[in-house]
């Protein structure tokens, strides 16, 4: 739950990461197969998704929804 941006993010091992607000889908972030265990940065600027199948972590901007690093 991202209180600063008032949205909920869920990881989906098949579909990637999905952001919701008020019950509506805001954004689907694809290309993150096996996405699991999301973490939100203390300043709410980034969220991180574990990608265990790729042995990586994806950094995702909470404002643009872009994957900024792996």
C-alpha atoms as a PDB file:
ATOM      1  CA  UNK A   1       0.000   0.000   0.000  1.00  0.00           C
ATOM      2  CA  UNK A   2       1.384   3.365  -1.059  1.00  0.00           C
ATOM      3  CA  UNK A   3      -0.330   5.950   1.126  1.00  0.00           C
ATOM      4  CA  UNK A   4       1.509   8.881  -0.482  1.00  0.00           C
ATOM      5  CA  UNK A   5       0.115   8.057  -3.936  1.00  0.00           C
ATOM      6  CA  UNK A   6      -3.074   6.401  -2.631  1.00  0.00           C
ATOM      7  CA  UNK A   7      -2.678   3.157  -4.517  1.00  0.00           C
ATOM      8  CA  UNK A   8      -2.199  -0.528  -3.953  1.00  0.00           C
ATOM      9  CA  UNK A   9       0.385  -2.513  -5.900  1.00  0.00           C
ATOM     10  CA  UNK A  10       0.224  -6.272  -6.377  1.00  0.00           C
ATOM     11  CA  UNK A  11       2.796  -8.607  -7.832  1.00  0.00           C
ATOM     12  CA  UNK A  12       1.703 -11.334 -10.201  1.00  0.00           C
ATOM     13  CA  UNK A  13       4.205 -14.055 -11.107  1.00  0.00           C
ATOM     14  CA  UNK A  14       2.647 -14.317 -14.572  1.00  0.00           C
ATOM     15  CA  UNK A  15       1.636 -10.737 -15.368  1.00  0.00           C
ATOM     16  CA  UNK A  16       4.166  -8.528 -13.575  1.00  0.00           C
ATOM     17  CA  UNK A  17       3.022  -5.711 -11.281  1.00  0.00           C
ATOM     18  CA  UNK A  18      -0.408  -4.032 -11.233  1.00  0.00           C
ATOM     19  CA  UNK A  19      -1.310  -0.742  -9.526  1.00  0.00           C
ATOM     20  CA  UNK A  20      -4.842  -0.143  -8.290  1.00  0.00           C
ATOM     21  CA  UNK A  21      -6.596   2.962  -6.970  1.00  0.00           C
ATOM     22  CA  UNK A  22     -10.214   3.130  -5.848  1.00  0.00           C
ATOM     23  CA  UNK A  23     -10.817  -0.380  -7.187  1.00  0.00           C
ATOM     24  CA  UNK A  24      -9.683   0.525 -10.722  1.00  0.00           C
ATOM     25  CA  UNK A  25      -6.529  -0.651 -12.483  1.00  0.00           C
ATOM     26  CA  UNK A  26      -4.154   2.309 -12.917  1.00  0.00           C
ATOM     27  CA  UNK A  27      -1.242   0.607 -14.624  1.00  0.00           C
ATOM     28  CA  UNK A  28       0.016  -2.865 -15.511  1.00  0.00           C
ATOM     29  CA  UNK A  29       3.776  -3.138 -15.575  1.00  0.00           C
ATOM     30  CA  UNK A  30       4.673  -6.088 -17.770  1.00  0.00           C
ATOM     31  CA  UNK A  31       7.974  -7.696 -18.647  1.00  0.00           C
ATOM     32  CA  UNK A  32       8.584  -8.730 -15.046  1.00  0.00           C
ATOM     33  CA  UNK A  33       8.070 -12.498 -15.153  1.00  0.00           C
ATOM     34  CA  UNK A  34       7.987 -14.109 -11.742  1.00  0.00           C
ATOM     35  CA  UNK A  35       7.490 -10.748  -9.956  1.00  0.00           C
ATOM     36  CA  UNK A  36       7.128 -11.312  -6.227  1.00  0.00           C
ATOM     37  CA  UNK A  37       7.537  -9.631  -2.854  1.00  0.00           C
ATOM     38  CA  UNK A  38       7.140  -5.912  -3.496  1.00  0.00           C
ATOM     39  CA  UNK A  39       8.830  -3.350  -1.259  1.00  0.00           C
ATOM     40  CA  UNK A  40       8.167   0.391  -1.138  1.00  0.00           C
ATOM     41  CA  UNK A  41      11.007   2.876  -0.550  1.00  0.00           C
ATOM     42  CA  UNK A  42      10.635   4.973   2.625  1.00  0.00           C
ATOM     43  CA  UNK A  43      10.048   8.127   0.549  1.00  0.00           C
ATOM     44  CA  UNK A  44       7.462   6.315  -1.665  1.00  0.00           C
ATOM     45  CA  UNK A  45       9.367   7.350  -4.824  1.00  0.00           C
ATOM     46  CA  UNK A  46      10.288   3.805  -5.860  1.00  0.00           C
ATOM     47  CA  UNK A  47       9.034   0.325  -5.348  1.00  0.00           C
ATOM     48  CA  UNK A  48      11.066  -2.819  -5.809  1.00  0.00           C
ATOM     49  CA  UNK A  49       9.955  -6.196  -7.135  1.00  0.00           C
ATOM     50  CA  UNK A  50      11.914  -9.370  -6.577  1.00  0.00           C
ATOM     51  CA  UNK A  51      12.380 -11.346  -9.802  1.00  0.00           C
ATOM     52  CA  UNK A  52      13.568 -14.704  -8.458  1.00  0.00           C
ATOM     53  CA  UNK A  53      13.456 -16.439 -11.857  1.00  0.00           C
ATOM     54  CA  UNK A  54      15.884 -13.827 -13.246  1.00  0.00           C
ATOM     55  CA  UNK A  55      17.915 -13.575 -10.008  1.00  0.00           C
ATOM     56  CA  UNK A  56      17.237  -9.819 -10.070  1.00  0.00           C
ATOM     57  CA  UNK A  57      15.348  -6.942  -8.469  1.00  0.00           C
ATOM     58  CA  UNK A  58      13.411  -4.404 -10.562  1.00  0.00           C
ATOM     59  CA  UNK A  59      13.215  -0.776  -9.439  1.00  0.00           C
ATOM     60  CA  UNK A  60       9.914   0.828 -10.504  1.00  0.00           C
ATOM     61  CA  UNK A  61       9.046   4.529 -10.301  1.00  0.00           C
ATOM     62  CA  UNK A  62       5.801   5.082  -8.397  1.00  0.00           C
ATOM     63  CA  UNK A  63       4.952   8.179 -10.445  1.00  0.00           C
ATOM     64  CA  UNK A  64       5.844   7.132 -14.017  1.00  0.00           C
ATOM     65  CA  UNK A  65       5.482   3.345 -13.549  1.00  0.00           C
ATOM     66  CA  UNK A  66       8.702   2.883 -15.534  1.00  0.00           C
ATOM     67  CA  UNK A  67      11.194   0.169 -14.653  1.00  0.00           C
ATOM     68  CA  UNK A  68      14.270   2.297 -14.004  1.00  0.00           C
ATOM     69  CA  UNK A  69      16.796  -0.416 -13.098  1.00  0.00           C
ATOM     70  CA  UNK A  70      17.319  -4.145 -12.692  1.00  0.00           C
END
